[in-house]
């Protein structure tokens, strides 16, 4: 039974596969942008000073984390109440794509623009993660939730590593 007292039907493999593949696809963002490639490019090339660039990058990550912490409880409640989690997930994904694409145009010396574009992309990415995670109870049961979550996590790592290999 679900929290609303409804009898849950069997988990459909297609939904589980789709949920896992979202993690596979979106893990490229954290791998390439947040952790390995763009963060180093930002510090070394855009800022031109690795130490100062790392400090600015860390501040941008922190600002985006605070923004997510302040906005997601409200947005999550709206998404749940309106029953439009999929739409919120789509919008967060499109926002992530837009602002990540705009990072392509950031040139050396465009520190503020690069940081702001990253903040918007990362807020959208992290917000999308909240909406994505909210689907897990709907596509699983109490007996297989951990397994399904593990599948998504594992495919996310595969996707992130594959993206890193392709990028390098």
N, C-alpha and C. Protein backbone atom coordinates (compact mmCIF):
# COMPACT_ATOMS: atom_id res chain seq x y z
N UNK A 1 0.83 -1.19 0.00
CA UNK A 1 0.00 0.00 0.00
C UNK A 1 0.87 1.25 0.00
N UNK A 2 0.40 2.27 -0.66
CA UNK A 2 1.12 3.53 -0.67
C UNK A 2 0.71 4.36 0.53
N UNK A 3 1.33 5.53 0.67
CA UNK A 3 1.00 6.42 1.79
C UNK A 3 -0.46 6.87 1.75
N UNK A 4 -1.05 6.88 0.58
CA UNK A 4 -2.44 7.32 0.44
C UNK A 4 -3.41 6.17 0.64
N UNK A 5 -2.90 4.99 0.97
CA UNK A 5 -3.77 3.86 1.20
C UNK A 5 -4.15 3.12 -0.06
N UNK A 6 -3.52 3.48 -1.20
CA UNK A 6 -3.83 2.80 -2.44
C UNK A 6 -3.02 1.52 -2.54
N UNK A 7 -3.57 0.54 -3.16
CA UNK A 7 -2.84 -0.70 -3.38
C UNK A 7 -1.89 -0.46 -4.55
N UNK A 8 -0.61 -0.72 -4.32
CA UNK A 8 0.39 -0.49 -5.34
C UNK A 8 0.41 -1.67 -6.30
N UNK A 9 0.40 -1.37 -7.58
CA UNK A 9 0.49 -2.42 -8.59
C UNK A 9 1.94 -2.82 -8.75
N UNK A 10 2.18 -3.88 -9.46
CA UNK A 10 3.54 -4.35 -9.67
C UNK A 10 4.37 -3.28 -10.36
N UNK A 11 5.62 -3.23 -9.99
CA UNK A 11 6.54 -2.26 -10.58
C UNK A 11 6.78 -2.62 -12.04
N UNK A 12 6.62 -1.65 -12.90
CA UNK A 12 6.85 -1.89 -14.32
C UNK A 12 8.32 -1.68 -14.65
N UNK A 13 8.89 -2.66 -15.34
CA UNK A 13 10.31 -2.59 -15.68
C UNK A 13 10.65 -1.36 -16.51
N UNK A 14 9.75 -0.96 -17.38
CA UNK A 14 10.00 0.20 -18.22
C UNK A 14 10.20 1.46 -17.37
N UNK A 15 9.39 1.63 -16.34
CA UNK A 15 9.52 2.79 -15.47
C UNK A 15 10.84 2.75 -14.70
N UNK A 16 11.19 1.58 -14.21
CA UNK A 16 12.45 1.43 -13.48
C UNK A 16 13.63 1.72 -14.42
N UNK A 17 13.58 1.16 -15.62
CA UNK A 17 14.65 1.38 -16.60
C UNK A 17 14.77 2.87 -16.92
N UNK A 18 13.65 3.53 -17.15
CA UNK A 18 13.67 4.96 -17.47
C UNK A 18 14.23 5.77 -16.32
N UNK A 19 13.83 5.43 -15.11
CA UNK A 19 14.31 6.13 -13.92
C UNK A 19 15.83 5.97 -13.80
N UNK A 20 16.31 4.77 -14.01
CA UNK A 20 17.76 4.50 -13.93
C UNK A 20 18.52 5.21 -15.04
N UNK A 21 17.95 5.24 -16.23
CA UNK A 21 18.63 5.88 -17.36
C UNK A 21 18.71 7.39 -17.19
N UNK A 22 17.78 7.98 -16.47
CA UNK A 22 17.89 9.41 -16.18
C UNK A 22 19.15 9.65 -15.37
N UNK A 23 19.41 8.80 -14.38
CA UNK A 23 20.62 8.93 -13.59
C UNK A 23 21.85 8.71 -14.46
N UNK A 24 21.80 7.74 -15.34
CA UNK A 24 22.90 7.48 -16.27
C UNK A 24 23.22 8.75 -17.06
N UNK A 25 22.19 9.39 -17.59
CA UNK A 25 22.38 10.55 -18.46
C UNK A 25 22.81 11.80 -17.70
N UNK A 26 22.21 12.04 -16.55
CA UNK A 26 22.50 13.32 -15.89
C UNK A 26 23.77 13.31 -15.06
N UNK A 27 24.36 12.17 -14.83
CA UNK A 27 25.59 12.12 -14.04
C UNK A 27 26.76 12.75 -14.78
N UNK A 28 26.65 12.93 -16.07
CA UNK A 28 27.69 13.63 -16.82
C UNK A 28 27.86 15.05 -16.30
N UNK A 29 26.79 15.68 -15.84
CA UNK A 29 26.88 17.05 -15.34
C UNK A 29 27.82 17.13 -14.15
N UNK A 30 27.59 16.31 -13.14
CA UNK A 30 28.45 16.40 -11.95
C UNK A 30 29.88 15.97 -12.27
N UNK A 31 30.01 14.97 -13.13
CA UNK A 31 31.35 14.49 -13.46
C UNK A 31 32.14 15.53 -14.25
N UNK A 32 31.54 16.05 -15.32
CA UNK A 32 32.26 16.94 -16.21
C UNK A 32 32.27 18.40 -15.75
N UNK A 33 31.17 18.88 -15.24
CA UNK A 33 31.07 20.30 -14.89
C UNK A 33 31.52 20.56 -13.46
N UNK A 34 30.92 19.88 -12.51
CA UNK A 34 31.17 20.17 -11.10
C UNK A 34 32.53 19.67 -10.64
N UNK A 35 32.91 18.46 -11.05
CA UNK A 35 34.06 17.82 -10.43
C UNK A 35 35.36 17.90 -11.24
N UNK A 36 35.36 17.49 -12.49
CA UNK A 36 36.63 17.29 -13.18
C UNK A 36 37.00 18.33 -14.24
N UNK A 37 36.19 18.52 -15.24
CA UNK A 37 36.63 19.27 -16.42
C UNK A 37 36.40 20.78 -16.27
N UNK A 38 35.11 21.19 -16.17
CA UNK A 38 34.84 22.62 -16.18
C UNK A 38 35.36 23.32 -14.93
N UNK A 39 35.31 22.66 -13.80
CA UNK A 39 35.82 23.29 -12.56
C UNK A 39 37.30 23.63 -12.71
N UNK A 40 38.09 22.71 -13.28
CA UNK A 40 39.51 22.98 -13.51
C UNK A 40 39.69 24.06 -14.57
N UNK A 41 38.91 24.00 -15.63
CA UNK A 41 38.97 25.02 -16.69
C UNK A 41 38.63 26.40 -16.11
N UNK A 42 37.61 26.43 -15.27
CA UNK A 42 37.21 27.70 -14.64
C UNK A 42 38.36 28.29 -13.84
N UNK A 43 38.96 27.48 -12.98
CA UNK A 43 40.03 27.98 -12.12
C UNK A 43 41.27 28.36 -12.92
N UNK A 44 41.69 27.49 -13.81
CA UNK A 44 42.97 27.69 -14.50
C UNK A 44 42.90 28.65 -15.68
N UNK A 45 41.79 28.62 -16.42
CA UNK A 45 41.71 29.40 -17.65
C UNK A 45 40.82 30.64 -17.49
N UNK A 46 39.61 30.45 -17.01
CA UNK A 46 38.69 31.59 -16.91
C UNK A 46 39.20 32.59 -15.87
N UNK A 47 39.55 32.08 -14.68
CA UNK A 47 40.08 32.97 -13.65
C UNK A 47 41.57 33.24 -13.91
N UNK A 48 42.30 32.22 -14.32
CA UNK A 48 43.72 32.40 -14.61
C UNK A 48 44.63 32.23 -13.42
N UNK A 49 44.08 31.90 -12.29
CA UNK A 49 44.85 31.66 -11.07
C UNK A 49 44.18 30.50 -10.36
N UNK A 50 44.86 29.37 -10.30
CA UNK A 50 44.22 28.15 -9.79
C UNK A 50 43.72 28.28 -8.37
N UNK A 51 44.48 28.92 -7.51
CA UNK A 51 44.05 29.06 -6.11
C UNK A 51 42.84 29.98 -6.02
N UNK A 52 42.93 31.16 -6.60
CA UNK A 52 41.80 32.10 -6.58
C UNK A 52 40.59 31.50 -7.29
N UNK A 53 40.83 30.83 -8.41
CA UNK A 53 39.75 30.20 -9.16
C UNK A 53 39.05 29.11 -8.37
N UNK A 54 39.82 28.33 -7.62
CA UNK A 54 39.22 27.28 -6.78
C UNK A 54 38.38 27.88 -5.67
N UNK A 55 38.84 28.98 -5.10
CA UNK A 55 38.06 29.67 -4.05
C UNK A 55 36.75 30.18 -4.63
N UNK A 56 36.80 30.81 -5.79
CA UNK A 56 35.59 31.34 -6.43
C UNK A 56 34.65 30.19 -6.80
N UNK A 57 35.20 29.10 -7.34
CA UNK A 57 34.39 27.94 -7.70
C UNK A 57 33.68 27.37 -6.47
N UNK A 58 34.42 27.25 -5.39
CA UNK A 58 33.84 26.73 -4.14
C UNK A 58 32.72 27.63 -3.65
N UNK A 59 32.90 28.91 -3.76
CA UNK A 59 31.84 29.85 -3.36
C UNK A 59 30.61 29.69 -4.24
N UNK A 60 30.82 29.49 -5.54
CA UNK A 60 29.69 29.29 -6.45
C UNK A 60 28.94 28.01 -6.10
N UNK A 61 29.67 26.95 -5.78
CA UNK A 61 29.03 25.70 -5.35
C UNK A 61 28.22 25.93 -4.07
N UNK A 62 28.81 26.66 -3.13
CA UNK A 62 28.11 26.94 -1.86
C UNK A 62 26.86 27.79 -2.07
N UNK A 63 26.95 28.79 -2.91
CA UNK A 63 25.79 29.64 -3.20
C UNK A 63 24.68 28.80 -3.81
N UNK A 64 25.03 27.93 -4.74
CA UNK A 64 24.00 27.09 -5.36
C UNK A 64 23.40 26.13 -4.34
N UNK A 65 24.20 25.62 -3.42
CA UNK A 65 23.67 24.72 -2.38
C UNK A 65 22.69 25.44 -1.47
N UNK A 66 23.01 26.66 -1.10
CA UNK A 66 22.09 27.44 -0.26
C UNK A 66 20.81 27.74 -1.02
N UNK A 67 20.92 28.10 -2.29
CA UNK A 67 19.73 28.37 -3.11
C UNK A 67 18.83 27.14 -3.19
N UNK A 68 19.44 25.98 -3.36
CA UNK A 68 18.65 24.73 -3.41
C UNK A 68 17.99 24.47 -2.07
N UNK A 69 18.72 24.65 -1.00
CA UNK A 69 18.17 24.41 0.34
C UNK A 69 16.99 25.34 0.64
N UNK A 70 17.04 26.55 0.12
CA UNK A 70 15.96 27.52 0.38
C UNK A 70 14.76 27.34 -0.55
N UNK A 71 14.99 26.90 -1.77
CA UNK A 71 13.89 26.83 -2.73
C UNK A 71 13.22 25.46 -2.85
N UNK A 72 13.97 24.39 -2.66
CA UNK A 72 13.41 23.07 -2.94
C UNK A 72 12.29 22.63 -2.01
N UNK A 73 12.31 22.99 -0.74
CA UNK A 73 11.13 22.60 0.06
C UNK A 73 9.82 23.18 -0.50
N UNK A 74 9.88 24.42 -0.94
CA UNK A 74 8.68 25.06 -1.50
C UNK A 74 8.33 24.45 -2.86
N UNK A 75 9.33 24.34 -3.74
CA UNK A 75 9.07 23.78 -5.06
C UNK A 75 8.64 22.32 -4.98
N UNK A 76 9.24 21.57 -4.07
CA UNK A 76 8.84 20.18 -3.88
C UNK A 76 7.40 20.06 -3.41
N UNK A 77 7.01 20.93 -2.49
CA UNK A 77 5.63 20.91 -2.00
C UNK A 77 4.66 21.27 -3.12
N UNK A 78 5.02 22.26 -3.93
CA UNK A 78 4.17 22.65 -5.06
C UNK A 78 4.05 21.49 -6.05
N UNK A 79 5.18 20.86 -6.35
CA UNK A 79 5.16 19.74 -7.30
C UNK A 79 4.31 18.59 -6.77
N UNK A 80 4.44 18.28 -5.48
CA UNK A 80 3.64 17.21 -4.89
C UNK A 80 2.16 17.56 -4.88
N UNK A 81 1.85 18.77 -4.44
CA UNK A 81 0.45 19.19 -4.33
C UNK A 81 -0.23 19.25 -5.69
N UNK A 82 0.49 19.75 -6.69
CA UNK A 82 -0.09 19.88 -8.03
C UNK A 82 -0.02 18.59 -8.83
N UNK A 83 0.70 17.61 -8.29
CA UNK A 83 0.91 16.32 -8.98
C UNK A 83 1.57 16.52 -10.34
N UNK A 84 2.56 17.40 -10.37
CA UNK A 84 3.27 17.71 -11.61
C UNK A 84 4.77 17.53 -11.45
N UNK A 85 5.16 16.49 -10.74
CA UNK A 85 6.59 16.25 -10.53
C UNK A 85 7.31 16.06 -11.86
N UNK A 86 6.69 15.39 -12.80
CA UNK A 86 7.33 15.16 -14.10
C UNK A 86 7.61 16.49 -14.82
N UNK A 87 6.66 17.37 -14.75
CA UNK A 87 6.84 18.68 -15.39
C UNK A 87 7.96 19.46 -14.70
N UNK A 88 8.00 19.41 -13.37
CA UNK A 88 9.06 20.09 -12.63
C UNK A 88 10.42 19.47 -12.97
N UNK A 89 10.47 18.15 -13.09
CA UNK A 89 11.71 17.48 -13.46
C UNK A 89 12.14 17.89 -14.87
N UNK A 90 11.20 17.94 -15.79
CA UNK A 90 11.51 18.37 -17.15
C UNK A 90 12.04 19.80 -17.17
N UNK A 91 11.39 20.70 -16.45
CA UNK A 91 11.84 22.10 -16.43
C UNK A 91 13.22 22.24 -15.81
N UNK A 92 13.46 21.50 -14.74
CA UNK A 92 14.79 21.54 -14.11
C UNK A 92 15.85 21.00 -15.06
N UNK A 93 15.52 19.94 -15.78
CA UNK A 93 16.46 19.36 -16.73
C UNK A 93 16.75 20.34 -17.87
N UNK A 94 15.71 20.98 -18.39
CA UNK A 94 15.90 21.95 -19.47
C UNK A 94 16.71 23.16 -19.01
N UNK A 95 16.47 23.60 -17.77
CA UNK A 95 17.25 24.71 -17.22
C UNK A 95 18.72 24.31 -17.08
N UNK A 96 18.95 23.10 -16.62
CA UNK A 96 20.33 22.61 -16.52
C UNK A 96 21.00 22.59 -17.89
N UNK A 97 20.29 22.08 -18.87
CA UNK A 97 20.83 22.03 -20.24
C UNK A 97 21.14 23.43 -20.77
N UNK A 98 20.22 24.35 -20.58
CA UNK A 98 20.40 25.71 -21.09
C UNK A 98 21.64 26.37 -20.49
N UNK A 99 21.71 26.38 -19.15
CA UNK A 99 22.82 27.09 -18.51
C UNK A 99 24.15 26.36 -18.67
N UNK A 100 24.12 25.05 -18.79
CA UNK A 100 25.35 24.32 -19.06
C UNK A 100 25.84 24.63 -20.48
N UNK A 101 24.92 24.69 -21.43
CA UNK A 101 25.28 25.05 -22.80
C UNK A 101 25.88 26.45 -22.86
N UNK A 102 25.32 27.37 -22.10
CA UNK A 102 25.82 28.75 -22.10
C UNK A 102 27.24 28.84 -21.54
N UNK A 103 27.65 27.87 -20.72
CA UNK A 103 29.02 27.86 -20.20
C UNK A 103 30.04 27.75 -21.34
N UNK A 104 29.63 27.19 -22.46
CA UNK A 104 30.51 27.07 -23.62
C UNK A 104 31.05 28.43 -24.08
N UNK A 105 30.25 29.47 -23.89
CA UNK A 105 30.61 30.80 -24.39
C UNK A 105 31.44 31.62 -23.41
N UNK A 106 31.70 31.09 -22.23
CA UNK A 106 32.48 31.81 -21.23
C UNK A 106 33.96 31.76 -21.61
N UNK A 107 34.56 32.92 -21.73
CA UNK A 107 35.96 33.05 -22.14
C UNK A 107 36.83 33.46 -20.95
N UNK A 108 38.16 33.36 -21.10
CA UNK A 108 39.05 33.81 -20.02
C UNK A 108 38.73 35.23 -19.58
N UNK A 109 38.69 35.43 -18.28
CA UNK A 109 38.37 36.73 -17.71
C UNK A 109 36.90 36.94 -17.41
N UNK A 110 36.02 36.11 -17.94
CA UNK A 110 34.57 36.25 -17.71
C UNK A 110 34.18 35.49 -16.44
N UNK A 111 34.81 35.85 -15.36
CA UNK A 111 34.68 35.10 -14.10
C UNK A 111 33.26 35.18 -13.55
N UNK A 112 32.73 36.39 -13.44
CA UNK A 112 31.39 36.55 -12.86
C UNK A 112 30.34 35.83 -13.71
N UNK A 113 30.41 36.00 -15.02
CA UNK A 113 29.44 35.33 -15.90
C UNK A 113 29.55 33.81 -15.75
N UNK A 114 30.76 33.29 -15.75
CA UNK A 114 30.95 31.85 -15.59
C UNK A 114 30.39 31.33 -14.27
N UNK A 115 30.64 32.07 -13.21
CA UNK A 115 30.14 31.65 -11.89
C UNK A 115 28.62 31.69 -11.84
N UNK A 116 28.03 32.75 -12.37
CA UNK A 116 26.56 32.89 -12.34
C UNK A 116 25.90 31.82 -13.20
N UNK A 117 26.42 31.58 -14.38
CA UNK A 117 25.84 30.53 -15.23
C UNK A 117 25.94 29.17 -14.56
N UNK A 118 27.09 28.91 -13.94
CA UNK A 118 27.23 27.65 -13.21
C UNK A 118 26.25 27.55 -12.06
N UNK A 119 26.08 28.62 -11.31
CA UNK A 119 25.14 28.60 -10.18
C UNK A 119 23.74 28.24 -10.67
N UNK A 120 23.28 28.88 -11.74
CA UNK A 120 21.95 28.57 -12.26
C UNK A 120 21.86 27.12 -12.75
N UNK A 121 22.91 26.65 -13.41
CA UNK A 121 22.92 25.26 -13.89
C UNK A 121 22.91 24.29 -12.72
N UNK A 122 23.70 24.55 -11.71
CA UNK A 122 23.80 23.63 -10.58
C UNK A 122 22.54 23.63 -9.72
N UNK A 123 21.93 24.79 -9.54
CA UNK A 123 20.66 24.85 -8.82
C UNK A 123 19.61 24.01 -9.55
N UNK A 124 19.57 24.14 -10.85
CA UNK A 124 18.60 23.36 -11.64
C UNK A 124 18.92 21.87 -11.55
N UNK A 125 20.20 21.52 -11.65
CA UNK A 125 20.59 20.11 -11.57
C UNK A 125 20.19 19.52 -10.21
N UNK A 126 20.56 20.19 -9.14
CA UNK A 126 20.25 19.68 -7.80
C UNK A 126 18.74 19.66 -7.56
N UNK A 127 18.03 20.66 -8.07
CA UNK A 127 16.57 20.65 -7.96
C UNK A 127 15.98 19.48 -8.71
N UNK A 128 16.51 19.23 -9.90
CA UNK A 128 16.07 18.07 -10.68
C UNK A 128 16.31 16.77 -9.93
N UNK A 129 17.40 16.69 -9.20
CA UNK A 129 17.68 15.49 -8.41
C UNK A 129 16.59 15.24 -7.37
N UNK A 130 16.11 16.31 -6.77
CA UNK A 130 15.04 16.16 -5.78
C UNK A 130 13.76 15.62 -6.43
N UNK A 131 13.42 16.15 -7.59
CA UNK A 131 12.22 15.66 -8.29
C UNK A 131 12.43 14.23 -8.76
N UNK A 132 13.61 13.94 -9.27
CA UNK A 132 13.96 12.58 -9.72
C UNK A 132 13.83 11.59 -8.56
N UNK A 133 14.41 11.94 -7.43
CA UNK A 133 14.35 11.05 -6.26
C UNK A 133 12.93 10.84 -5.76
N UNK A 134 12.08 11.82 -5.96
CA UNK A 134 10.69 11.71 -5.50
C UNK A 134 9.91 10.64 -6.25
N UNK A 135 10.41 10.20 -7.39
CA UNK A 135 9.73 9.15 -8.15
C UNK A 135 10.05 7.75 -7.63
N UNK A 136 11.11 7.60 -6.86
CA UNK A 136 11.50 6.27 -6.41
C UNK A 136 10.39 5.54 -5.65
N UNK A 137 9.71 6.17 -4.70
CA UNK A 137 8.63 5.44 -4.02
C UNK A 137 7.48 5.04 -4.93
N UNK A 138 7.33 5.73 -6.06
CA UNK A 138 6.25 5.42 -6.99
C UNK A 138 6.59 4.27 -7.93
N UNK A 139 7.87 4.04 -8.16
CA UNK A 139 8.27 2.99 -9.10
C UNK A 139 8.80 1.75 -8.39
N UNK A 140 8.73 1.76 -7.07
CA UNK A 140 9.27 0.63 -6.31
C UNK A 140 8.31 0.26 -5.19
N UNK A 141 8.64 -0.82 -4.54
CA UNK A 141 7.92 -1.24 -3.34
C UNK A 141 8.90 -1.23 -2.19
N UNK A 142 8.42 -1.43 -1.00
CA UNK A 142 9.32 -1.42 0.16
C UNK A 142 10.34 -2.55 0.09
N UNK A 143 10.01 -3.62 -0.61
CA UNK A 143 10.94 -4.74 -0.69
C UNK A 143 12.02 -4.57 -1.76
N UNK A 144 11.77 -3.75 -2.79
CA UNK A 144 12.78 -3.61 -3.84
C UNK A 144 13.31 -2.18 -4.00
N UNK A 145 12.93 -1.28 -3.12
CA UNK A 145 13.35 0.12 -3.23
C UNK A 145 14.88 0.25 -3.19
N UNK A 146 15.53 -0.43 -2.28
CA UNK A 146 16.98 -0.35 -2.19
C UNK A 146 17.67 -0.88 -3.43
N UNK A 147 17.17 -1.96 -3.97
CA UNK A 147 17.75 -2.54 -5.18
C UNK A 147 17.58 -1.58 -6.36
N UNK A 148 16.39 -1.04 -6.53
CA UNK A 148 16.15 -0.13 -7.65
C UNK A 148 16.99 1.14 -7.49
N UNK A 149 17.07 1.66 -6.29
CA UNK A 149 17.92 2.82 -6.03
C UNK A 149 19.37 2.51 -6.37
N UNK A 150 19.82 1.33 -6.02
CA UNK A 150 21.18 0.90 -6.33
C UNK A 150 21.43 0.79 -7.82
N UNK A 151 20.44 0.31 -8.56
CA UNK A 151 20.56 0.25 -10.02
C UNK A 151 20.77 1.66 -10.60
N UNK A 152 19.95 2.60 -10.13
CA UNK A 152 20.09 3.98 -10.61
C UNK A 152 21.44 4.56 -10.25
N UNK A 153 21.87 4.34 -9.02
CA UNK A 153 23.16 4.84 -8.56
C UNK A 153 24.29 4.26 -9.40
N UNK A 154 24.24 2.95 -9.63
CA UNK A 154 25.29 2.28 -10.42
C UNK A 154 25.30 2.78 -11.86
N UNK A 155 24.15 2.89 -12.47
CA UNK A 155 24.10 3.40 -13.84
C UNK A 155 24.55 4.86 -13.91
N UNK A 156 24.29 5.61 -12.86
CA UNK A 156 24.78 6.98 -12.80
C UNK A 156 26.30 7.03 -12.83
N UNK A 157 26.93 6.16 -12.07
CA UNK A 157 28.40 6.11 -12.09
C UNK A 157 28.92 5.69 -13.46
N UNK A 158 28.28 4.72 -14.07
CA UNK A 158 28.69 4.28 -15.41
C UNK A 158 28.55 5.45 -16.38
N UNK A 159 27.43 6.15 -16.32
CA UNK A 159 27.22 7.29 -17.21
C UNK A 159 28.24 8.40 -17.00
N UNK A 160 28.53 8.70 -15.74
CA UNK A 160 29.52 9.72 -15.45
C UNK A 160 30.91 9.34 -15.92
N UNK A 161 31.29 8.10 -15.69
CA UNK A 161 32.61 7.65 -16.14
C UNK A 161 32.70 7.60 -17.65
N UNK A 162 31.64 7.16 -18.30
CA UNK A 162 31.62 7.13 -19.76
C UNK A 162 31.76 8.55 -20.32
N UNK A 163 31.05 9.49 -19.74
CA UNK A 163 31.15 10.89 -20.18
C UNK A 163 32.57 11.42 -19.98
N UNK A 164 33.19 11.05 -18.88
CA UNK A 164 34.56 11.50 -18.61
C UNK A 164 35.54 10.91 -19.62
N UNK A 165 35.39 9.64 -19.91
CA UNK A 165 36.26 8.99 -20.90
C UNK A 165 36.10 9.65 -22.27
N UNK A 166 34.87 9.92 -22.65
CA UNK A 166 34.62 10.57 -23.95
C UNK A 166 35.21 11.98 -23.96
N UNK A 167 35.04 12.71 -22.87
CA UNK A 167 35.54 14.09 -22.80
C UNK A 167 37.07 14.13 -22.83
N UNK A 168 37.69 13.18 -22.18
CA UNK A 168 39.16 13.19 -22.13
C UNK A 168 39.74 12.63 -23.42
